Amino acid sequence: MASAAQWFSRFRPALTRGALLAACVLAGGCATIETYVPTIRSFGVYRIDINQGNSLTLDMVDKLKEGQTRAQVRSILGTPLVASAFRENRWDYVYRFERQGRLLENRAFTVFFDGDKLARWEGDEMPQSMAALNRAAVDKSLGHVPSADDPGIFDWLFGIFKR
């Protein structure tokens, strides 16, 4: 009968390789671990998702034309988040999205007026449409939603054994 020391020395290379393989697998997932597993700081206080400001789309911006009145711009883009009394010829539309206290999205858009008429506008890249915004919101909140055509885990497992 072999002693524990003899058994350990016999299987030491295999155990070392196994431990190294396990460490590599665990270390490889560290970059995305916070996405799938809650961290210590997420326990305790619940933080809601925060949407702040004006969510503008490319469809809305495409409706802007030079020479439109302030009322027309307000009906297209909505009430500006920042309309300063010191800069009457400038409206700022700002949008922020935070999840669990982390900023995920930040966009700014500014329109400039000459008197009561729209002169120009500038800002960050906007999403294509409201439908694209809704799809992005679903993807951010749910992740990948499998379709009816996706084979399940059992079909995948049975496929392995059929070979």
N, C-alpha and C. Protein backbone atom coordinates (compact mmCIF):
# COMPACT_ATOMS: atom_id res chain seq x y z
N MET A 1 0.84 -1.17 0.00
CA MET A 1 0.00 0.00 0.00
C MET A 1 0.89 1.24 0.00
N ALA A 2 0.58 2.15 -0.86
CA ALA A 2 1.39 3.35 -1.02
C ALA A 2 0.98 4.40 0.01
N SER A 3 1.98 5.11 0.52
CA SER A 3 1.69 6.16 1.48
C SER A 3 1.20 7.41 0.75
N ALA A 4 0.69 8.36 1.52
CA ALA A 4 0.17 9.59 0.94
C ALA A 4 1.26 10.38 0.24
N ALA A 5 2.48 10.36 0.78
CA ALA A 5 3.59 11.08 0.15
C ALA A 5 3.94 10.48 -1.20
N GLN A 6 3.94 9.14 -1.28
CA GLN A 6 4.23 8.48 -2.57
C GLN A 6 3.13 8.78 -3.58
N TRP A 7 1.87 8.75 -3.11
CA TRP A 7 0.75 9.03 -4.01
C TRP A 7 0.84 10.46 -4.54
N PHE A 8 1.15 11.41 -3.65
CA PHE A 8 1.24 12.81 -4.04
C PHE A 8 2.39 13.02 -5.03
N SER A 9 3.55 12.41 -4.78
CA SER A 9 4.68 12.58 -5.69
C SER A 9 4.39 11.94 -7.05
N ARG A 10 3.59 10.89 -7.05
CA ARG A 10 3.24 10.23 -8.32
C ARG A 10 2.31 11.09 -9.17
N PHE A 11 1.34 11.73 -8.52
CA PHE A 11 0.34 12.52 -9.25
C PHE A 11 0.62 14.02 -9.23
N ARG A 12 1.77 14.43 -8.73
CA ARG A 12 2.11 15.84 -8.62
C ARG A 12 2.08 16.56 -9.97
N PRO A 13 2.68 16.04 -11.05
CA PRO A 13 2.60 16.75 -12.34
C PRO A 13 1.16 16.94 -12.83
N ALA A 14 0.33 15.94 -12.66
CA ALA A 14 -1.07 16.05 -13.09
C ALA A 14 -1.82 17.08 -12.24
N LEU A 15 -1.57 17.07 -10.93
CA LEU A 15 -2.24 18.04 -10.06
C LEU A 15 -1.77 19.46 -10.36
N THR A 16 -0.48 19.62 -10.66
CA THR A 16 0.05 20.94 -10.99
C THR A 16 -0.58 21.46 -12.27
N ARG A 17 -0.65 20.59 -13.29
CA ARG A 17 -1.29 21.00 -14.56
C ARG A 17 -2.76 21.33 -14.35
N GLY A 18 -3.44 20.55 -13.54
CA GLY A 18 -4.86 20.81 -13.27
C GLY A 18 -5.07 22.13 -12.55
N ALA A 19 -4.21 22.43 -11.57
CA ALA A 19 -4.33 23.69 -10.84
C ALA A 19 -4.01 24.87 -11.75
N LEU A 20 -3.00 24.70 -12.63
CA LEU A 20 -2.66 25.76 -13.56
C LEU A 20 -3.79 26.00 -14.55
N LEU A 21 -4.39 24.93 -15.04
CA LEU A 21 -5.52 25.06 -15.97
C LEU A 21 -6.71 25.75 -15.28
N ALA A 22 -7.00 25.37 -14.05
CA ALA A 22 -8.10 26.01 -13.32
C ALA A 22 -7.82 27.50 -13.10
N ALA A 23 -6.57 27.85 -12.78
CA ALA A 23 -6.22 29.26 -12.57
C ALA A 23 -6.37 30.06 -13.86
N CYS A 24 -5.96 29.47 -14.99
CA CYS A 24 -6.10 30.16 -16.28
C CYS A 24 -7.55 30.38 -16.64
N VAL A 25 -8.38 29.38 -16.42
CA VAL A 25 -9.81 29.50 -16.74
C VAL A 25 -10.45 30.57 -15.86
N LEU A 26 -10.13 30.56 -14.58
CA LEU A 26 -10.70 31.57 -13.68
C LEU A 26 -10.19 32.97 -13.99
N ALA A 27 -8.91 33.10 -14.30
CA ALA A 27 -8.35 34.42 -14.61
C ALA A 27 -8.86 34.95 -15.94
N GLY A 28 -9.17 34.07 -16.87
CA GLY A 28 -9.67 34.51 -18.17
C GLY A 28 -11.03 35.16 -18.08
N GLY A 29 -11.81 34.81 -17.08
CA GLY A 29 -13.14 35.39 -16.93
C GLY A 29 -13.18 36.62 -16.07
N CYS A 30 -12.07 37.07 -15.56
CA CYS A 30 -12.06 38.22 -14.65
C CYS A 30 -12.52 39.51 -15.32
N ALA A 31 -12.30 39.65 -16.62
CA ALA A 31 -12.67 40.89 -17.29
C ALA A 31 -14.17 41.06 -17.33
N THR A 32 -14.92 40.00 -17.39
CA THR A 32 -16.37 40.10 -17.51
C THR A 32 -17.10 39.60 -16.28
N ILE A 33 -16.41 39.32 -15.22
CA ILE A 33 -17.04 38.74 -14.04
C ILE A 33 -18.09 39.68 -13.45
N GLU A 34 -17.87 41.00 -13.49
CA GLU A 34 -18.84 41.94 -12.92
C GLU A 34 -20.13 42.00 -13.72
N THR A 35 -20.07 41.59 -14.97
CA THR A 35 -21.27 41.59 -15.80
C THR A 35 -22.23 40.51 -15.36
N TYR A 36 -21.72 39.36 -14.95
CA TYR A 36 -22.56 38.20 -14.69
C TYR A 36 -22.73 37.88 -13.21
N VAL A 37 -21.77 38.26 -12.39
CA VAL A 37 -21.82 37.91 -10.97
C VAL A 37 -21.83 39.21 -10.17
N PRO A 38 -22.73 39.33 -9.21
CA PRO A 38 -22.74 40.55 -8.40
C PRO A 38 -21.46 40.67 -7.57
N THR A 39 -21.00 41.89 -7.43
CA THR A 39 -19.81 42.14 -6.64
C THR A 39 -20.22 42.55 -5.23
N ILE A 40 -19.25 42.66 -4.35
CA ILE A 40 -19.52 43.02 -2.95
C ILE A 40 -20.22 44.37 -2.86
N ARG A 41 -19.80 45.33 -3.69
CA ARG A 41 -20.39 46.67 -3.58
C ARG A 41 -21.83 46.71 -4.08
N SER A 42 -22.29 45.69 -4.83
CA SER A 42 -23.67 45.71 -5.29
C SER A 42 -24.63 45.19 -4.22
N PHE A 43 -24.11 44.56 -3.18
CA PHE A 43 -24.96 44.13 -2.09
C PHE A 43 -25.20 45.32 -1.16
N GLY A 44 -26.35 45.35 -0.55
CA GLY A 44 -26.65 46.45 0.36
C GLY A 44 -27.63 47.41 -0.28
N VAL A 45 -27.16 48.56 -0.71
CA VAL A 45 -28.02 49.61 -1.23
C VAL A 45 -28.36 49.32 -2.69
N TYR A 46 -29.65 49.30 -3.00
CA TYR A 46 -30.10 49.10 -4.38
C TYR A 46 -30.02 50.43 -5.12
N ARG A 47 -29.43 50.43 -6.29
CA ARG A 47 -29.32 51.65 -7.09
C ARG A 47 -30.13 51.45 -8.36
N ILE A 48 -31.09 52.34 -8.58
CA ILE A 48 -31.94 52.21 -9.75
C ILE A 48 -31.22 52.76 -10.99
N ASP A 49 -31.69 52.32 -12.16
CA ASP A 49 -31.18 52.88 -13.41
C ASP A 49 -31.71 54.30 -13.54
N ILE A 50 -30.84 55.23 -13.95
CA ILE A 50 -31.22 56.63 -14.04
C ILE A 50 -31.09 57.12 -15.48
N ASN A 51 -32.20 57.52 -16.06
CA ASN A 51 -32.23 58.20 -17.35
C ASN A 51 -32.51 59.67 -17.06
N GLN A 52 -31.58 60.54 -17.44
CA GLN A 52 -31.77 61.96 -17.19
C GLN A 52 -31.64 62.72 -18.50
N GLY A 53 -32.48 63.70 -18.66
CA GLY A 53 -32.34 64.62 -19.79
C GLY A 53 -33.22 64.26 -20.96
N ASN A 54 -32.83 64.80 -22.12
CA ASN A 54 -33.59 64.64 -23.36
C ASN A 54 -32.95 63.55 -24.21
N SER A 55 -33.72 62.52 -24.49
CA SER A 55 -33.23 61.44 -25.34
C SER A 55 -33.59 61.79 -26.79
N LEU A 56 -32.62 62.29 -27.53
CA LEU A 56 -32.86 62.69 -28.92
C LEU A 56 -32.41 61.58 -29.86
N THR A 57 -33.06 61.51 -31.03
CA THR A 57 -32.68 60.53 -32.04
C THR A 57 -32.30 61.26 -33.33
N LEU A 58 -31.69 60.51 -34.23
CA LEU A 58 -31.30 61.06 -35.52
C LEU A 58 -32.53 61.48 -36.32
N ASP A 59 -33.64 60.75 -36.17
CA ASP A 59 -34.89 61.12 -36.84
C ASP A 59 -35.34 62.52 -36.42
N MET A 60 -35.21 62.82 -35.15
CA MET A 60 -35.62 64.13 -34.65
C MET A 60 -34.70 65.22 -35.18
N VAL A 61 -33.41 64.96 -35.17
CA VAL A 61 -32.43 65.95 -35.64
C VAL A 61 -32.60 66.21 -37.13
N ASP A 62 -32.95 65.17 -37.90
CA ASP A 62 -33.14 65.32 -39.35
C ASP A 62 -34.32 66.24 -39.68
N LYS A 63 -35.25 66.41 -38.76
CA LYS A 63 -36.41 67.29 -38.99
C LYS A 63 -36.06 68.77 -38.83
N LEU A 64 -34.89 69.07 -38.25
CA LEU A 64 -34.50 70.46 -38.06
C LEU A 64 -34.10 71.09 -39.38
N LYS A 65 -34.50 72.34 -39.56
CA LYS A 65 -34.12 73.11 -40.75
C LYS A 65 -33.80 74.53 -40.31
N GLU A 66 -32.79 75.10 -40.93
CA GLU A 66 -32.44 76.49 -40.60
C GLU A 66 -33.63 77.39 -40.88
N GLY A 67 -33.83 78.35 -39.98
CA GLY A 67 -34.93 79.29 -40.14
C GLY A 67 -36.18 78.92 -39.36
N GLN A 68 -36.22 77.75 -38.73
CA GLN A 68 -37.38 77.38 -37.94
C GLN A 68 -37.45 78.24 -36.69
N THR A 69 -38.67 78.43 -36.18
CA THR A 69 -38.85 79.24 -34.97
C THR A 69 -38.53 78.41 -33.73
N ARG A 70 -38.42 79.11 -32.62
CA ARG A 70 -38.15 78.42 -31.36
C ARG A 70 -39.28 77.43 -31.02
N ALA A 71 -40.51 77.83 -31.29
CA ALA A 71 -41.65 76.95 -31.00
C ALA A 71 -41.59 75.69 -31.87
N GLN A 72 -41.17 75.81 -33.12
CA GLN A 72 -41.06 74.64 -33.98
C GLN A 72 -39.95 73.71 -33.49
N VAL A 73 -38.83 74.27 -33.08
CA VAL A 73 -37.73 73.46 -32.56
C VAL A 73 -38.16 72.76 -31.27
N ARG A 74 -38.88 73.48 -30.41
CA ARG A 74 -39.36 72.89 -29.16
C ARG A 74 -40.34 71.76 -29.44
N SER A 75 -41.17 71.88 -30.46
CA SER A 75 -42.12 70.80 -30.76
C SER A 75 -41.40 69.58 -31.35
N ILE A 76 -40.28 69.77 -32.02
CA ILE A 76 -39.53 68.65 -32.61
C ILE A 76 -38.66 67.96 -31.56
N LEU A 77 -37.88 68.75 -30.80
CA LEU A 77 -36.90 68.19 -29.87
C LEU A 77 -37.38 68.11 -28.43
N GLY A 78 -38.42 68.85 -28.10
CA GLY A 78 -38.88 68.91 -26.72
C GLY A 78 -38.27 70.10 -26.01
N THR A 79 -38.65 70.27 -24.76
CA THR A 79 -38.12 71.38 -23.96
C THR A 79 -36.66 71.11 -23.62
N PRO A 80 -35.80 72.11 -23.84
CA PRO A 80 -34.37 71.88 -23.57
C PRO A 80 -34.11 71.70 -22.07
N LEU A 81 -33.11 70.89 -21.78
CA LEU A 81 -32.73 70.68 -20.40
C LEU A 81 -32.11 71.94 -19.81
N VAL A 82 -31.30 72.65 -20.63
CA VAL A 82 -30.65 73.87 -20.18
C VAL A 82 -30.99 74.99 -21.15
N ALA A 83 -31.73 75.99 -20.67
CA ALA A 83 -32.00 77.20 -21.43
C ALA A 83 -31.56 78.36 -20.54
N SER A 84 -30.35 78.82 -20.74
CA SER A 84 -29.74 79.81 -19.86
C SER A 84 -30.29 81.21 -20.13
N ALA A 85 -30.47 81.97 -19.06
CA ALA A 85 -30.90 83.36 -19.19
C ALA A 85 -29.76 84.22 -19.72
N PHE A 86 -28.52 83.76 -19.55
CA PHE A 86 -27.37 84.52 -20.01
C PHE A 86 -27.05 84.26 -21.47
N ARG A 87 -27.53 83.16 -22.01
CA ARG A 87 -27.33 82.83 -23.43
C ARG A 87 -28.69 82.52 -24.04
N GLU A 88 -29.43 83.54 -24.38
CA GLU A 88 -30.78 83.36 -24.90
C GLU A 88 -30.78 82.71 -26.28
N ASN A 89 -29.66 82.76 -26.97
CA ASN A 89 -29.63 82.23 -28.34
C ASN A 89 -29.14 80.78 -28.38
N ARG A 90 -29.07 80.10 -27.22
CA ARG A 90 -28.53 78.73 -27.18
C ARG A 90 -29.38 77.86 -26.27
N TRP A 91 -29.74 76.66 -26.79
CA TRP A 91 -30.43 75.66 -25.98
C TRP A 91 -29.56 74.41 -25.96
N ASP A 92 -29.42 73.80 -24.77
CA ASP A 92 -28.63 72.59 -24.63
C ASP A 92 -29.54 71.42 -24.25
N TYR A 93 -29.40 70.32 -24.98
CA TYR A 93 -30.10 69.08 -24.71
C TYR A 93 -29.05 68.07 -24.26
N VAL A 94 -29.17 67.61 -23.03
CA VAL A 94 -28.19 66.68 -22.46
C VAL A 94 -28.91 65.40 -22.05
N TYR A 95 -28.26 64.26 -22.30
CA TYR A 95 -28.83 62.96 -21.91
C TYR A 95 -27.75 62.13 -21.21
N ARG A 96 -28.13 61.51 -20.08
CA ARG A 96 -27.22 60.63 -19.32
C ARG A 96 -27.98 59.37 -18.93
N PHE A 97 -27.29 58.24 -18.99
CA PHE A 97 -27.86 56.97 -18.52
C PHE A 97 -26.87 56.32 -17.58
N GLU A 98 -27.31 56.05 -16.35
CA GLU A 98 -26.47 55.42 -15.33
C GLU A 98 -27.13 54.13 -14.87
N ARG A 99 -26.32 53.07 -14.74
CA ARG A 99 -26.78 51.80 -14.19
C ARG A 99 -25.87 51.44 -13.02
N GLN A 100 -26.49 51.18 -11.88
CA GLN A 100 -25.77 50.82 -10.65
C GLN A 100 -24.70 51.86 -10.31
N GLY A 101 -24.98 53.12 -10.58
CA GLY A 101 -24.05 54.19 -10.25
C GLY A 101 -22.94 54.39 -11.26
N ARG A 102 -22.92 53.62 -12.35
CA ARG A 102 -21.87 53.77 -13.37
C ARG A 102 -22.47 54.41 -14.61
N LEU A 103 -21.82 55.43 -15.13
CA LEU A 103 -22.28 56.14 -16.32
C LEU A 103 -22.04 55.27 -17.54
N LEU A 104 -23.12 54.94 -18.27
CA LEU A 104 -23.02 54.11 -19.47
C LEU A 104 -23.13 54.93 -20.74
N GLU A 105 -23.88 56.04 -20.68
CA GLU A 105 -24.09 56.83 -21.88
C GLU A 105 -24.21 58.31 -21.51
N ASN A 106 -23.58 59.17 -22.32
CA ASN A 106 -23.63 60.60 -22.08
C ASN A 106 -23.61 61.29 -23.44
N ARG A 107 -24.69 62.00 -23.79
CA ARG A 107 -24.77 62.70 -25.07
C ARG A 107 -25.19 64.15 -24.84
N ALA A 108 -24.65 65.03 -25.69
CA ALA A 108 -25.01 66.45 -25.61
C ALA A 108 -25.33 66.95 -27.02
N PHE A 109 -26.32 67.83 -27.12
CA PHE A 109 -26.73 68.41 -28.39
C PHE A 109 -27.11 69.86 -28.13
N THR A 110 -26.66 70.76 -28.98
CA THR A 110 -26.88 72.19 -28.78
C THR A 110 -27.47 72.79 -30.04
N VAL A 111 -28.49 73.63 -29.87
CA VAL A 111 -29.06 74.40 -30.99
C VAL A 111 -28.81 75.88 -30.73
N PHE A 112 -28.50 76.60 -31.81
CA PHE A 112 -28.20 78.03 -31.73
C PHE A 112 -29.23 78.80 -32.55
N PHE A 113 -29.67 79.92 -32.00
CA PHE A 113 -30.66 80.75 -32.67
C PHE A 113 -30.06 82.11 -33.02
N ASP A 114 -30.57 82.69 -34.09
CA ASP A 114 -30.25 84.07 -34.46
C ASP A 114 -31.57 84.82 -34.37
N GLY A 115 -31.77 85.52 -33.26
CA GLY A 115 -33.07 86.13 -32.99
C GLY A 115 -34.03 85.03 -32.58
N ASP A 116 -35.12 84.86 -33.33
CA ASP A 116 -36.09 83.80 -33.04
C ASP A 116 -35.97 82.64 -34.02
N LYS A 117 -34.99 82.68 -34.92
CA LYS A 117 -34.86 81.66 -35.97
C LYS A 117 -33.67 80.75 -35.68
N LEU A 118 -33.82 79.48 -36.02
CA LEU A 118 -32.76 78.49 -35.84
C LEU A 118 -31.62 78.78 -36.81
N ALA A 119 -30.40 78.92 -36.28
CA ALA A 119 -29.24 79.23 -37.12
C ALA A 119 -28.41 77.98 -37.40
N ARG A 120 -28.11 77.20 -36.37
CA ARG A 120 -27.30 75.99 -36.55
C ARG A 120 -27.46 75.08 -35.35
N TRP A 121 -26.92 73.86 -35.45
CA TRP A 121 -26.95 72.90 -34.35
C TRP A 121 -25.74 72.00 -34.43
N GLU A 122 -25.35 71.48 -33.28
CA GLU A 122 -24.18 70.59 -33.21
C GLU A 122 -24.33 69.69 -32.00
N GLY A 123 -23.62 68.56 -32.05
CA GLY A 123 -23.69 67.66 -30.90
C GLY A 123 -23.11 66.30 -31.19
N ASP A 124 -23.26 65.42 -30.21
CA ASP A 124 -22.75 64.06 -30.31
C ASP A 124 -23.59 63.25 -31.29
N GLU A 125 -23.06 62.08 -31.65
CA GLU A 125 -23.77 61.19 -32.56
C GLU A 125 -25.02 60.66 -31.86
N MET A 126 -26.13 60.68 -32.58
CA MET A 126 -27.41 60.26 -32.02
C MET A 126 -27.79 58.87 -32.53
N PRO A 127 -28.60 58.13 -31.77
CA PRO A 127 -29.10 56.85 -32.26
C PRO A 127 -30.01 57.05 -33.46
N GLN A 128 -30.17 56.01 -34.27
CA GLN A 128 -30.93 56.13 -35.52
C GLN A 128 -32.38 56.53 -35.31
N SER A 129 -33.13 55.82 -34.48
CA SER A 129 -34.55 56.10 -34.31
C SER A 129 -35.00 55.63 -32.94
N MET A 130 -36.27 55.87 -32.63
CA MET A 130 -36.81 55.40 -31.36
C MET A 130 -36.81 53.88 -31.32
N ALA A 131 -37.05 53.24 -32.46
CA ALA A 131 -37.02 51.77 -32.50
C ALA A 131 -35.62 51.27 -32.16
N ALA A 132 -34.59 51.95 -32.69
CA ALA A 132 -33.21 51.57 -32.38
C ALA A 132 -32.91 51.81 -30.90
N LEU A 133 -33.45 52.90 -30.34
CA LEU A 133 -33.28 53.16 -28.91
C LEU A 133 -33.93 52.07 -28.07
N ASN A 134 -35.13 51.65 -28.46
CA ASN A 134 -35.81 50.60 -27.70
C ASN A 134 -35.06 49.29 -27.78
N ARG A 135 -34.55 48.95 -28.97
CA ARG A 135 -33.76 47.72 -29.11
C ARG A 135 -32.50 47.79 -28.25
N ALA A 136 -31.84 48.96 -28.23
CA ALA A 136 -30.63 49.12 -27.43
C ALA A 136 -30.95 49.00 -25.94
N ALA A 137 -32.09 49.55 -25.51
CA ALA A 137 -32.47 49.46 -24.10
C ALA A 137 -32.76 48.02 -23.71
N VAL A 138 -33.41 47.27 -24.59
CA VAL A 138 -33.68 45.86 -24.30
C VAL A 138 -32.38 45.08 -24.24
N ASP A 139 -31.46 45.34 -25.18
CA ASP A 139 -30.17 44.64 -25.17
C ASP A 139 -29.37 44.96 -23.93
N LYS A 140 -29.43 46.22 -23.46
CA LYS A 140 -28.67 46.59 -22.26
C LYS A 140 -29.27 45.95 -21.02
N SER A 141 -30.59 45.87 -20.96
CA SER A 141 -31.22 45.36 -19.75
C SER A 141 -31.31 43.84 -19.72
N LEU A 142 -31.57 43.20 -20.87
CA LEU A 142 -31.75 41.76 -20.89
C LEU A 142 -30.57 41.00 -21.45
N GLY A 143 -29.70 41.66 -22.17
CA GLY A 143 -28.62 40.95 -22.84
C GLY A 143 -29.16 40.24 -24.07
N HIS A 144 -28.53 39.17 -24.47
CA HIS A 144 -28.97 38.43 -25.66
C HIS A 144 -30.24 37.67 -25.34
N VAL A 145 -31.30 37.90 -26.14
CA VAL A 145 -32.55 37.18 -25.98
C VAL A 145 -32.57 36.10 -27.05
N PRO A 146 -32.56 34.84 -26.66
CA PRO A 146 -32.53 33.78 -27.66
C PRO A 146 -33.84 33.74 -28.45
N SER A 147 -33.72 33.42 -29.72
CA SER A 147 -34.91 33.32 -30.55
C SER A 147 -35.43 31.89 -30.52
N ALA A 148 -36.59 31.67 -31.15
CA ALA A 148 -37.18 30.33 -31.18
C ALA A 148 -36.34 29.39 -32.03
N ASP A 149 -35.52 29.92 -32.93
CA ASP A 149 -34.70 29.08 -33.79
C ASP A 149 -33.43 28.59 -33.11
N ASP A 150 -33.05 29.21 -31.99
CA ASP A 150 -31.84 28.81 -31.30
C ASP A 150 -32.03 27.42 -30.68
N PRO A 151 -31.09 26.52 -30.92
CA PRO A 151 -31.18 25.23 -30.23
C PRO A 151 -30.86 25.43 -28.76
N GLY A 152 -31.55 24.73 -27.92
CA GLY A 152 -31.31 24.84 -26.49
C GLY A 152 -30.07 24.07 -26.07
N ILE A 153 -29.81 24.09 -24.79
CA ILE A 153 -28.65 23.39 -24.26
C ILE A 153 -28.78 21.89 -24.44
N PHE A 154 -30.02 21.38 -24.35
CA PHE A 154 -30.22 19.94 -24.51
C PHE A 154 -29.97 19.50 -25.95
N ASP A 155 -30.42 20.32 -26.93
CA ASP A 155 -30.13 20.00 -28.33
C ASP A 155 -28.63 20.00 -28.58
N TRP A 156 -27.93 20.92 -27.96
CA TRP A 156 -26.48 20.99 -28.12
C TRP A 156 -25.83 19.73 -27.53
N LEU A 157 -26.29 19.32 -26.32
CA LEU A 157 -25.72 18.14 -25.69
C LEU A 157 -26.04 16.88 -26.50
N PHE A 158 -27.28 16.74 -26.97
CA PHE A 158 -27.64 15.57 -27.78
C PHE A 158 -26.85 15.55 -29.07
N GLY A 159 -26.54 16.74 -29.61
CA GLY A 159 -25.73 16.83 -30.83
C GLY A 159 -24.34 16.29 -30.62
N ILE A 160 -23.79 16.49 -29.43
CA ILE A 160 -22.46 15.98 -29.12
C ILE A 160 -22.46 14.45 -29.10
N PHE A 161 -23.51 13.87 -28.49
CA PHE A 161 -23.56 12.41 -28.37
C PHE A 161 -23.96 11.71 -29.65
N LYS A 162 -24.58 12.44 -30.59
CA LYS A 162 -24.98 11.83 -31.87
C LYS A 162 -23.79 11.59 -32.78
N ARG A 163 -22.71 12.30 -32.54
CA ARG A 163 -21.55 12.19 -33.42
C ARG A 163 -20.86 10.89 -33.30
